[in-house]
């Protein structure tokens, strides 16, 4: 959420390079989220917890189970991964296009 809020701030301040930098890292976080989503059924990734290890819940297992989407965890993860890559590429492409038009 922090990169998105910073991107909004830099957009408001009309600082395109800082805006794209923050937005790029917002989308980059989706790659890690997708990896964790894809693990919802298998639950083999090590979880970070501050509490008792016996009472640890896998967040995405709980979320997908409550929504009835647990069987589609890898499909949802693939979509999030794809959108993350598209977002990062769009950020770089937009900044490159903007820099190209301002230099000419």
PDB file of N, CA and C in Angstrom:
ATOM      1  N   UNK A   1       0.815  -1.184   0.000  1.00  0.00           N
ATOM      2  CA  UNK A   1       0.000   0.000   0.000  1.00  0.00           C
ATOM      3  C   UNK A   1       0.873   1.267   0.000  1.00  0.00           C
ATOM      4  N   UNK A   2       2.008   1.202   0.665  1.00  0.00           N
ATOM      5  CA  UNK A   2       2.884   2.372   0.747  1.00  0.00           C
ATOM      6  C   UNK A   2       3.364   2.827  -0.631  1.00  0.00           C
ATOM      7  N   UNK A   3       3.841   1.920  -1.502  1.00  0.00           N
ATOM      8  CA  UNK A   3       4.256   2.392  -2.826  1.00  0.00           C
ATOM      9  C   UNK A   3       3.114   3.056  -3.601  1.00  0.00           C
ATOM     10  N   UNK A   4       1.897   2.563  -3.456  1.00  0.00           N
ATOM     11  CA  UNK A   4       0.758   3.155  -4.151  1.00  0.00           C
ATOM     12  C   UNK A   4       0.442   4.547  -3.617  1.00  0.00           C
ATOM     13  N   UNK A   5       0.499   4.710  -2.309  1.00  0.00           N
ATOM     14  CA  UNK A   5       0.262   6.029  -1.714  1.00  0.00           C
ATOM     15  C   UNK A   5       1.353   7.024  -2.110  1.00  0.00           C
ATOM     16  N   UNK A   6       2.591   6.549  -2.136  1.00  0.00           N
ATOM     17  CA  UNK A   6       3.673   7.423  -2.578  1.00  0.00           C
ATOM     18  C   UNK A   6       3.520   7.775  -4.052  1.00  0.00           C
ATOM     19  N   UNK A   7       3.092   6.819  -4.856  1.00  0.00           N
ATOM     20  CA  UNK A   7       2.857   7.099  -6.278  1.00  0.00           C
ATOM     21  C   UNK A   7       1.778   8.162  -6.433  1.00  0.00           C
ATOM     22  N   UNK A   8       0.719   8.066  -5.654  1.00  0.00           N
ATOM     23  CA  UNK A   8      -0.345   9.076  -5.712  1.00  0.00           C
ATOM     24  C   UNK A   8       0.192  10.450  -5.318  1.00  0.00           C
ATOM     25  N   UNK A   9       1.037  10.493  -4.300  1.00  0.00           N
ATOM     26  CA  UNK A   9       1.623  11.763  -3.877  1.00  0.00           C
ATOM     27  C   UNK A   9       2.483  12.363  -4.988  1.00  0.00           C
ATOM     28  N   UNK A  10       3.355  11.549  -5.572  1.00  0.00           N
ATOM     29  CA  UNK A  10       4.235  12.061  -6.626  1.00  0.00           C
ATOM     30  C   UNK A  10       3.463  12.414  -7.894  1.00  0.00           C
ATOM     31  N   UNK A  11       2.364  11.729  -8.155  1.00  0.00           N
ATOM     32  CA  UNK A  11       1.511  12.103  -9.274  1.00  0.00           C
ATOM     33  C   UNK A  11       0.917  13.488  -9.028  1.00  0.00           C
ATOM     34  N   UNK A  12       0.448  13.694  -7.814  1.00  0.00           N
ATOM     35  CA  UNK A  12      -0.114  14.998  -7.442  1.00  0.00           C
ATOM     36  C   UNK A  12       0.930  16.101  -7.526  1.00  0.00           C
ATOM     37  N   UNK A  13       2.155  15.789  -7.182  1.00  0.00           N
ATOM     38  CA  UNK A  13       3.248  16.763  -7.201  1.00  0.00           C
ATOM     39  C   UNK A  13       3.883  16.907  -8.587  1.00  0.00           C
ATOM     40  N   UNK A  14       3.375  16.168  -9.558  1.00  0.00           N
ATOM     41  CA  UNK A  14       3.856  16.214 -10.941  1.00  0.00           C
ATOM     42  C   UNK A  14       5.345  15.875 -11.061  1.00  0.00           C
ATOM     43  N   UNK A  15       5.712  14.774 -10.430  1.00  0.00           N
ATOM     44  CA  UNK A  15       7.077  14.268 -10.509  1.00  0.00           C
ATOM     45  C   UNK A  15       7.021  12.880 -11.166  1.00  0.00           C
ATOM     46  N   UNK A  16       7.066  12.843 -12.491  1.00  0.00           N
ATOM     47  CA  UNK A  16       6.817  11.574 -13.197  1.00  0.00           C
ATOM     48  C   UNK A  16       7.813  10.462 -12.889  1.00  0.00           C
ATOM     49  N   UNK A  17       9.080  10.779 -12.746  1.00  0.00           N
ATOM     50  CA  UNK A  17      10.066   9.721 -12.476  1.00  0.00           C
ATOM     51  C   UNK A  17       9.801   9.073 -11.116  1.00  0.00           C
ATOM     52  N   UNK A  18       9.538   9.878 -10.109  1.00  0.00           N
ATOM     53  CA  UNK A  18       9.244   9.342  -8.778  1.00  0.00           C
ATOM     54  C   UNK A  18       7.924   8.583  -8.781  1.00  0.00           C
ATOM     55  N   UNK A  19       6.939   9.090  -9.525  1.00  0.00           N
ATOM     56  CA  UNK A  19       5.644   8.420  -9.658  1.00  0.00           C
ATOM     57  C   UNK A  19       5.822   7.025 -10.247  1.00  0.00           C
ATOM     58  N   UNK A  20       6.574   6.933 -11.340  1.00  0.00           N
ATOM     59  CA  UNK A  20       6.779   5.646 -12.007  1.00  0.00           C
ATOM     60  C   UNK A  20       7.593   4.712 -11.128  1.00  0.00           C
ATOM     61  N   UNK A  21       8.594   5.229 -10.448  1.00  0.00           N
ATOM     62  CA  UNK A  21       9.412   4.412  -9.548  1.00  0.00           C
ATOM     63  C   UNK A  21       8.531   3.742  -8.497  1.00  0.00           C
ATOM     64  N   UNK A  22       7.665   4.521  -7.853  1.00  0.00           N
ATOM     65  CA  UNK A  22       6.798   3.972  -6.807  1.00  0.00           C
ATOM     66  C   UNK A  22       5.755   3.022  -7.387  1.00  0.00           C
ATOM     67  N   UNK A  23       5.177   3.385  -8.517  1.00  0.00           N
ATOM     68  CA  UNK A  23       4.176   2.529  -9.141  1.00  0.00           C
ATOM     69  C   UNK A  23       4.796   1.210  -9.608  1.00  0.00           C
ATOM     70  N   UNK A  24       6.033   1.279 -10.118  1.00  0.00           N
ATOM     71  CA  UNK A  24       6.739   0.063 -10.519  1.00  0.00           C
ATOM     72  C   UNK A  24       6.870  -0.882  -9.331  1.00  0.00           C
ATOM     73  N   UNK A  25       7.266  -0.372  -8.168  1.00  0.00           N
ATOM     74  CA  UNK A  25       7.436  -1.235  -7.006  1.00  0.00           C
ATOM     75  C   UNK A  25       6.110  -1.695  -6.424  1.00  0.00           C
ATOM     76  N   UNK A  26       5.049  -0.936  -6.646  1.00  0.00           N
ATOM     77  CA  UNK A  26       3.716  -1.415  -6.282  1.00  0.00           C
ATOM     78  C   UNK A  26       3.396  -2.686  -7.062  1.00  0.00           C
ATOM     79  N   UNK A  27       3.611  -2.651  -8.384  1.00  0.00           N
ATOM     80  CA  UNK A  27       3.338  -3.823  -9.202  1.00  0.00           C
ATOM     81  C   UNK A  27       4.342  -4.942  -8.950  1.00  0.00           C
ATOM     82  N   UNK A  28       5.555  -4.604  -8.605  1.00  0.00           N
ATOM     83  CA  UNK A  28       6.578  -5.615  -8.333  1.00  0.00           C
ATOM     84  C   UNK A  28       6.188  -6.465  -7.119  1.00  0.00           C
ATOM     85  N   UNK A  29       5.512  -5.868  -6.168  1.00  0.00           N
ATOM     86  CA  UNK A  29       5.050  -6.611  -4.991  1.00  0.00           C
ATOM     87  C   UNK A  29       4.022  -7.674  -5.358  1.00  0.00           C
ATOM     88  N   UNK A  30       3.335  -7.488  -6.487  1.00  0.00           N
ATOM     89  CA  UNK A  30       2.345  -8.471  -6.922  1.00  0.00           C
ATOM     90  C   UNK A  30       3.010  -9.805  -7.253  1.00  0.00           C
ATOM     91  N   UNK A  31       4.273  -9.779  -7.678  1.00  0.00           N
ATOM     92  CA  UNK A  31       4.970 -11.023  -8.009  1.00  0.00           C
ATOM     93  C   UNK A  31       5.118 -11.900  -6.768  1.00  0.00           C
ATOM     94  N   UNK A  32       5.469 -11.279  -5.658  1.00  0.00           N
ATOM     95  CA  UNK A  32       5.619 -12.020  -4.406  1.00  0.00           C
ATOM     96  C   UNK A  32       4.266 -12.465  -3.870  1.00  0.00           C
ATOM     97  N   UNK A  33       3.265 -11.616  -4.022  1.00  0.00           N
ATOM     98  CA  UNK A  33       1.916 -11.973  -3.594  1.00  0.00           C
ATOM     99  C   UNK A  33       1.400 -13.167  -4.389  1.00  0.00           C
ATOM    100  N   UNK A  34       1.676 -13.181  -5.685  1.00  0.00           N
ATOM    101  CA  UNK A  34       1.239 -14.298  -6.525  1.00  0.00           C
ATOM    102  C   UNK A  34       1.900 -15.608  -6.093  1.00  0.00           C
ATOM    103  N   UNK A  35       3.157 -15.548  -5.719  1.00  0.00           N
ATOM    104  CA  UNK A  35       3.854 -16.747  -5.248  1.00  0.00           C
ATOM    105  C   UNK A  35       3.185 -17.290  -3.991  1.00  0.00           C
ATOM    106  N   UNK A  36       2.828 -16.403  -3.092  1.00  0.00           N
ATOM    107  CA  UNK A  36       2.164 -16.797  -1.847  1.00  0.00           C
ATOM    108  C   UNK A  36       0.751 -17.303  -2.135  1.00  0.00           C
ATOM    109  N   UNK A  37       0.054 -16.685  -3.086  1.00  0.00           N
ATOM    110  CA  UNK A  37      -1.292 -17.149  -3.466  1.00  0.00           C
ATOM    111  C   UNK A  37      -1.245 -18.570  -4.021  1.00  0.00           C
ATOM    112  N   UNK A  38      -0.265 -18.823  -4.874  1.00  0.00           N
ATOM    113  CA  UNK A  38      -0.156 -20.134  -5.510  1.00  0.00           C
ATOM    114  C   UNK A  38       0.122 -21.242  -4.505  1.00  0.00           C
ATOM    115  N   UNK A  39       0.565 -20.882  -3.333  1.00  0.00           N
ATOM    116  CA  UNK A  39       0.886 -21.853  -2.285  1.00  0.00           C
ATOM    117  C   UNK A  39      -0.298 -22.123  -1.359  1.00  0.00           C
ATOM    118  N   UNK A  40      -1.464 -21.578  -1.665  1.00  0.00           N
ATOM    119  CA  UNK A  40      -2.612 -21.668  -0.756  1.00  0.00           C
ATOM    120  C   UNK A  40      -3.027 -23.108  -0.459  1.00  0.00           C
ATOM    121  N   UNK A  41      -3.046 -23.954  -1.458  1.00  0.00           N
ATOM    122  CA  UNK A  41      -3.424 -25.360  -1.227  1.00  0.00           C
ATOM    123  C   UNK A  41      -2.262 -26.179  -0.692  1.00  0.00           C
ATOM    124  N   UNK A  42      -1.094 -26.024  -1.298  1.00  0.00           N
ATOM    125  CA  UNK A  42       0.064 -26.845  -0.925  1.00  0.00           C
ATOM    126  C   UNK A  42       0.605 -26.479   0.451  1.00  0.00           C
ATOM    127  N   UNK A  43       0.604 -25.195   0.771  1.00  0.00           N
ATOM    128  CA  UNK A  43       1.104 -24.677   2.046  1.00  0.00           C
ATOM    129  C   UNK A  43       2.494 -25.220   2.393  1.00  0.00           C
ATOM    130  N   UNK A  44       3.421 -25.096   1.430  1.00  0.00           N
ATOM    131  CA  UNK A  44       4.784 -25.566   1.661  1.00  0.00           C
ATOM    132  C   UNK A  44       5.765 -24.422   1.914  1.00  0.00           C
ATOM    133  N   UNK A  45       5.379 -23.189   1.598  1.00  0.00           N
ATOM    134  CA  UNK A  45       6.276 -22.065   1.853  1.00  0.00           C
ATOM    135  C   UNK A  45       6.379 -21.814   3.348  1.00  0.00           C
ATOM    136  N   UNK A  46       7.571 -21.461   3.828  1.00  0.00           N
ATOM    137  CA  UNK A  46       7.691 -21.135   5.248  1.00  0.00           C
ATOM    138  C   UNK A  46       6.968 -19.816   5.536  1.00  0.00           C
ATOM    139  N   UNK A  47       6.199 -19.799   6.613  1.00  0.00           N
ATOM    140  CA  UNK A  47       5.439 -18.608   6.976  1.00  0.00           C
ATOM    141  C   UNK A  47       6.164 -17.843   8.079  1.00  0.00           C
ATOM    142  N   UNK A  48       6.060 -16.545   8.029  1.00  0.00           N
ATOM    143  CA  UNK A  48       6.631 -15.690   9.060  1.00  0.00           C
ATOM    144  C   UNK A  48       5.532 -15.410  10.075  1.00  0.00           C
ATOM    145  N   UNK A  49       5.812 -15.666  11.325  1.00  0.00           N
ATOM    146  CA  UNK A  49       4.802 -15.459  12.358  1.00  0.00           C
ATOM    147  C   UNK A  49       5.443 -14.950  13.634  1.00  0.00           C
ATOM    148  N   UNK A  50       4.657 -14.232  14.393  1.00  0.00           N
ATOM    149  CA  UNK A  50       5.139 -13.730  15.674  1.00  0.00           C
ATOM    150  C   UNK A  50       4.526 -14.511  16.820  1.00  0.00           C
ATOM    151  N   UNK A  51       3.518 -15.310  16.510  1.00  0.00           N
ATOM    152  CA  UNK A  51       2.819 -16.059  17.547  1.00  0.00           C
ATOM    153  C   UNK A  51       3.263 -17.502  17.633  1.00  0.00           C
ATOM    154  N   UNK A  52       2.415 -18.290  18.237  1.00  0.00           N
ATOM    155  CA  UNK A  52       2.663 -19.711  18.406  1.00  0.00           C
ATOM    156  C   UNK A  52       2.598 -20.403  17.048  1.00  0.00           C
ATOM    157  N   UNK A  53       3.605 -21.166  16.713  1.00  0.00           N
ATOM    158  CA  UNK A  53       3.695 -21.821  15.410  1.00  0.00           C
ATOM    159  C   UNK A  53       2.579 -22.850  15.201  1.00  0.00           C
ATOM    160  N   UNK A  54       1.972 -23.333  16.273  1.00  0.00           N
ATOM    161  CA  UNK A  54       0.888 -24.304  16.147  1.00  0.00           C
ATOM    162  C   UNK A  54      -0.415 -23.669  15.667  1.00  0.00           C
ATOM    163  N   UNK A  55      -0.537 -22.363  15.799  1.00  0.00           N
ATOM    164  CA  UNK A  55      -1.775 -21.678  15.446  1.00  0.00           C
ATOM    165  C   UNK A  55      -1.608 -20.737  14.256  1.00  0.00           C
ATOM    166  N   UNK A  56      -0.661 -21.053  13.395  1.00  0.00           N
ATOM    167  CA  UNK A  56      -0.396 -20.225  12.228  1.00  0.00           C
ATOM    168  C   UNK A  56      -1.371 -20.597  11.117  1.00  0.00           C
ATOM    169  N   UNK A  57      -1.956 -19.568  10.488  1.00  0.00           N
ATOM    170  CA  UNK A  57      -2.843 -19.801   9.348  1.00  0.00           C
ATOM    171  C   UNK A  57      -2.189 -19.241   8.098  1.00  0.00           C
ATOM    172  N   UNK A  58      -2.375 -19.933   7.006  1.00  0.00           N
ATOM    173  CA  UNK A  58      -1.922 -19.434   5.707  1.00  0.00           C
ATOM    174  C   UNK A  58      -2.997 -18.463   5.235  1.00  0.00           C
ATOM    175  N   UNK A  59      -2.648 -17.179   5.106  1.00  0.00           N
ATOM    176  CA  UNK A  59      -3.634 -16.148   4.785  1.00  0.00           C
ATOM    177  C   UNK A  59      -4.431 -16.463   3.535  1.00  0.00           C
ATOM    178  N   UNK A  60      -3.739 -16.825   2.458  1.00  0.00           N
ATOM    179  CA  UNK A  60      -4.430 -17.047   1.191  1.00  0.00           C
ATOM    180  C   UNK A  60      -5.247 -18.331   1.219  1.00  0.00           C
ATOM    181  N   UNK A  61      -4.848 -19.314   2.007  1.00  0.00           N
ATOM    182  CA  UNK A  61      -5.674 -20.502   2.170  1.00  0.00           C
ATOM    183  C   UNK A  61      -6.986 -20.113   2.830  1.00  0.00           C
ATOM    184  N   UNK A  62      -6.909 -19.286   3.847  1.00  0.00           N
ATOM    185  CA  UNK A  62      -8.112 -18.831   4.546  1.00  0.00           C
ATOM    186  C   UNK A  62      -8.993 -17.977   3.639  1.00  0.00           C
ATOM    187  N   UNK A  63      -8.386 -17.043   2.913  1.00  0.00           N
ATOM    188  CA  UNK A  63      -9.147 -16.148   2.034  1.00  0.00           C
ATOM    189  C   UNK A  63      -9.808 -16.926   0.908  1.00  0.00           C
ATOM    190  N   UNK A  64      -9.028 -17.745   0.216  1.00  0.00           N
ATOM    191  CA  UNK A  64      -9.580 -18.509  -0.900  1.00  0.00           C
ATOM    192  C   UNK A  64     -10.628 -19.517  -0.428  1.00  0.00           C
ATOM    193  N   UNK A  65     -10.424 -20.120   0.737  1.00  0.00           N
ATOM    194  CA  UNK A  65     -11.409 -21.059   1.273  1.00  0.00           C
ATOM    195  C   UNK A  65     -12.728 -20.362   1.565  1.00  0.00           C
ATOM    196  N   UNK A  66     -12.651 -19.199   2.162  1.00  0.00           N
ATOM    197  CA  UNK A  66     -13.885 -18.473   2.498  1.00  0.00           C
ATOM    198  C   UNK A  66     -14.625 -17.990   1.253  1.00  0.00           C
ATOM    199  N   UNK A  67     -13.892 -17.772   0.162  1.00  0.00           N
ATOM    200  CA  UNK A  67     -14.510 -17.325  -1.088  1.00  0.00           C
ATOM    201  C   UNK A  67     -14.867 -18.489  -2.017  1.00  0.00           C
ATOM    202  N   UNK A  68     -14.510 -19.696  -1.628  1.00  0.00           N
ATOM    203  CA  UNK A  68     -14.765 -20.863  -2.466  1.00  0.00           C
ATOM    204  C   UNK A  68     -13.848 -20.938  -3.674  1.00  0.00           C
ATOM    205  N   UNK A  69     -12.674 -20.343  -3.576  1.00  0.00           N
ATOM    206  CA  UNK A  69     -11.734 -20.295  -4.697  1.00  0.00           C
ATOM    207  C   UNK A  69     -10.453 -21.094  -4.460  1.00  0.00           C
ATOM    208  N   UNK A  70     -10.435 -21.902  -3.430  1.00  0.00           N
ATOM    209  CA  UNK A  70      -9.191 -22.597  -3.091  1.00  0.00           C
ATOM    210  C   UNK A  70      -8.698 -23.487  -4.232  1.00  0.00           C
ATOM    211  N   UNK A  71      -9.606 -24.090  -4.970  1.00  0.00           N
ATOM    212  CA  UNK A  71      -9.197 -24.947  -6.088  1.00  0.00           C
ATOM    213  C   UNK A  71      -8.600 -24.155  -7.248  1.00  0.00           C
ATOM    214  N   UNK A  72      -8.764 -22.843  -7.230  1.00  0.00           N
ATOM    215  CA  UNK A  72      -8.267 -21.985  -8.311  1.00  0.00           C
ATOM    216  C   UNK A  72      -7.090 -21.116  -7.862  1.00  0.00           C
ATOM    217  N   UNK A  73      -6.423 -21.512  -6.792  1.00  0.00           N
ATOM    218  CA  UNK A  73      -5.341 -20.689  -6.245  1.00  0.00           C
ATOM    219  C   UNK A  73      -4.232 -20.419  -7.256  1.00  0.00           C
ATOM    220  N   UNK A  74      -3.843 -21.430  -8.010  1.00  0.00           N
ATOM    221  CA  UNK A  74      -2.762 -21.216  -8.976  1.00  0.00           C
ATOM    222  C   UNK A  74      -3.231 -20.397 -10.177  1.00  0.00           C
ATOM    223  N   UNK A  75      -4.506 -20.509 -10.530  1.00  0.00           N
ATOM    224  CA  UNK A  75      -5.050 -19.713 -11.629  1.00  0.00           C
ATOM    225  C   UNK A  75      -5.100 -18.240 -11.244  1.00  0.00           C
ATOM    226  N   UNK A  76      -5.605 -17.967 -10.056  1.00  0.00           N
ATOM    227  CA  UNK A  76      -5.656 -16.583  -9.573  1.00  0.00           C
ATOM    228  C   UNK A  76      -4.240 -16.031  -9.455  1.00  0.00           C
ATOM    229  N   UNK A  77      -3.327 -16.845  -8.943  1.00  0.00           N
ATOM    230  CA  UNK A  77      -1.928 -16.418  -8.810  1.00  0.00           C
ATOM    231  C   UNK A  77      -1.311 -16.106 -10.165  1.00  0.00           C
ATOM    232  N   UNK A  78      -1.624 -16.903 -11.174  1.00  0.00           N
ATOM    233  CA  UNK A  78      -1.085 -16.656 -12.514  1.00  0.00           C
ATOM    234  C   UNK A  78      -1.606 -15.336 -13.077  1.00  0.00           C
ATOM    235  N   UNK A  79      -2.870 -15.031 -12.822  1.00  0.00           N
ATOM    236  CA  UNK A  79      -3.440 -13.759 -13.282  1.00  0.00           C
ATOM    237  C   UNK A  79      -2.773 -12.587 -12.565  1.00  0.00           C
ATOM    238  N   UNK A  80      -2.588 -12.702 -11.260  1.00  0.00           N
ATOM    239  CA  UNK A  80      -1.935 -11.637 -10.491  1.00  0.00           C
ATOM    240  C   UNK A  80      -0.487 -11.470 -10.945  1.00  0.00           C
ATOM    241  N   UNK A  81       0.199 -12.569 -11.189  1.00  0.00           N
ATOM    242  CA  UNK A  81       1.576 -12.504 -11.679  1.00  0.00           C
ATOM    243  C   UNK A  81       1.632 -11.797 -13.031  1.00  0.00           C
ATOM    244  N   UNK A  82       0.740 -12.175 -13.939  1.00  0.00           N
ATOM    245  CA  UNK A  82       0.681 -11.559 -15.257  1.00  0.00           C
ATOM    246  C   UNK A  82       0.388 -10.059 -15.151  1.00  0.00           C
ATOM    247  N   UNK A  83      -0.566  -9.698 -14.299  1.00  0.00           N
ATOM    248  CA  UNK A  83      -0.906  -8.284 -14.129  1.00  0.00           C
ATOM    249  C   UNK A  83       0.249  -7.503 -13.499  1.00  0.00           C
ATOM    250  N   UNK A  84       0.992  -8.146 -12.613  1.00  0.00           N
ATOM    251  CA  UNK A  84       2.161  -7.498 -12.028  1.00  0.00           C
ATOM    252  C   UNK A  84       3.211  -7.185 -13.077  1.00  0.00           C
ATOM    253  N   UNK A  85       3.499  -8.168 -13.931  1.00  0.00           N
ATOM    254  CA  UNK A  85       4.474  -7.948 -15.010  1.00  0.00           C
ATOM    255  C   UNK A  85       3.976  -6.886 -15.985  1.00  0.00           C
ATOM    256  N   UNK A  86       2.697  -6.954 -16.338  1.00  0.00           N
ATOM    257  CA  UNK A  86       2.131  -5.950 -17.253  1.00  0.00           C
ATOM    258  C   UNK A  86       2.217  -4.553 -16.651  1.00  0.00           C
ATOM    259  N   UNK A  87       1.919  -4.451 -15.370  1.00  0.00           N
ATOM    260  CA  UNK A  87       2.004  -3.156 -14.696  1.00  0.00           C
ATOM    261  C   UNK A  87       3.417  -2.601 -14.685  1.00  0.00           C
ATOM    262  N   UNK A  88       4.387  -3.465 -14.397  1.00  0.00           N
ATOM    263  CA  UNK A  88       5.775  -3.006 -14.386  1.00  0.00           C
ATOM    264  C   UNK A  88       6.229  -2.582 -15.779  1.00  0.00           C
ATOM    265  N   UNK A  89       5.892  -3.386 -16.782  1.00  0.00           N
ATOM    266  CA  UNK A  89       6.268  -3.032 -18.154  1.00  0.00           C
ATOM    267  C   UNK A  89       5.566  -1.759 -18.613  1.00  0.00           C
ATOM    268  N   UNK A  90       4.311  -1.581 -18.231  1.00  0.00           N
ATOM    269  CA  UNK A  90       3.582  -0.366 -18.602  1.00  0.00           C
ATOM    270  C   UNK A  90       4.217   0.865 -17.959  1.00  0.00           C
ATOM    271  N   UNK A  91       4.668   0.734 -16.731  1.00  0.00           N
ATOM    272  CA  UNK A  91       5.337   1.860 -16.055  1.00  0.00           C
ATOM    273  C   UNK A  91       6.601   2.268 -16.803  1.00  0.00           C
ATOM    274  N   UNK A  92       7.418   1.290 -17.114  1.00  0.00           N
ATOM    275  CA  UNK A  92       8.673   1.569 -17.823  1.00  0.00           C
ATOM    276  C   UNK A  92       8.384   2.130 -19.212  1.00  0.00           C
ATOM    277  N   UNK A  93       7.425   1.534 -19.897  1.00  0.00           N
ATOM    278  CA  UNK A  93       7.069   2.007 -21.237  1.00  0.00           C
ATOM    279  C   UNK A  93       6.526   3.419 -21.230  1.00  0.00           C
ATOM    280  N   UNK A  94       5.670   3.721 -20.253  1.00  0.00           N
ATOM    281  CA  UNK A  94       5.108   5.069 -20.157  1.00  0.00           C
ATOM    282  C   UNK A  94       6.193   6.096 -19.887  1.00  0.00           C
ATOM    283  N   UNK A  95       7.102   5.778 -18.954  1.00  0.00           N
ATOM    284  CA  UNK A  95       8.173   6.724 -18.647  1.00  0.00           C
ATOM    285  C   UNK A  95       9.096   6.894 -19.842  1.00  0.00           C
ATOM    286  N   UNK A  96       9.418   5.814 -20.535  1.00  0.00           N
ATOM    287  CA  UNK A  96      10.281   5.909 -21.719  1.00  0.00           C
ATOM    288  C   UNK A  96       9.626   6.761 -22.801  1.00  0.00           C
ATOM    289  N   UNK A  97       8.337   6.557 -23.024  1.00  0.00           N
ATOM    290  CA  UNK A  97       7.625   7.351 -24.024  1.00  0.00           C
ATOM    291  C   UNK A  97       7.577   8.827 -23.630  1.00  0.00           C
ATOM    292  N   UNK A  98       7.356   9.063 -22.348  1.00  0.00           N
ATOM    293  CA  UNK A  98       7.295  10.453 -21.858  1.00  0.00           C
ATOM    294  C   UNK A  98       8.662  11.146 -21.998  1.00  0.00           C
ATOM    295  N   UNK A  99       9.711  10.422 -21.639  1.00  0.00           N
ATOM    296  CA  UNK A  99      11.049  11.004 -21.752  1.00  0.00           C
ATOM    297  C   UNK A  99      11.415  11.234 -23.211  1.00  0.00           C
ATOM    298  N   UNK A 100      10.988  10.350 -24.067  1.00  0.00           N
ATOM    299  CA  UNK A 100      11.301  10.486 -25.492  1.00  0.00           C
ATOM    300  C   UNK A 100      10.604  11.711 -26.089  1.00  0.00           C
ATOM    301  N   UNK A 101       9.367  11.954 -25.719  1.00  0.00           N
ATOM    302  CA  UNK A 101       8.638  13.097 -26.266  1.00  0.00           C
ATOM    303  C   UNK A 101       9.121  14.421 -25.669  1.00  0.00           C
ATOM    304  N   UNK A 102       9.619  14.405 -24.432  1.00  0.00           N
ATOM    305  CA  UNK A 102      10.110  15.662 -23.850  1.00  0.00           C
ATOM    306  C   UNK A 102      11.486  16.028 -24.351  1.00  0.00           C
ATOM    307  N   UNK A 103      12.276  15.025 -24.796  1.00  0.00           N
ATOM    308  CA  UNK A 103      13.614  15.311 -25.287  1.00  0.00           C
ATOM    309  C   UNK A 103      13.592  15.868 -26.713  1.00  0.00           C
ATOM    310  N   UNK A 104      12.576  15.519 -27.486  1.00  0.00           N
ATOM    311  CA  UNK A 104      12.529  15.945 -28.884  1.00  0.00           C
ATOM    312  C   UNK A 104      12.140  17.387 -29.038  1.00  0.00           C
TER     313      UNK A 104
END
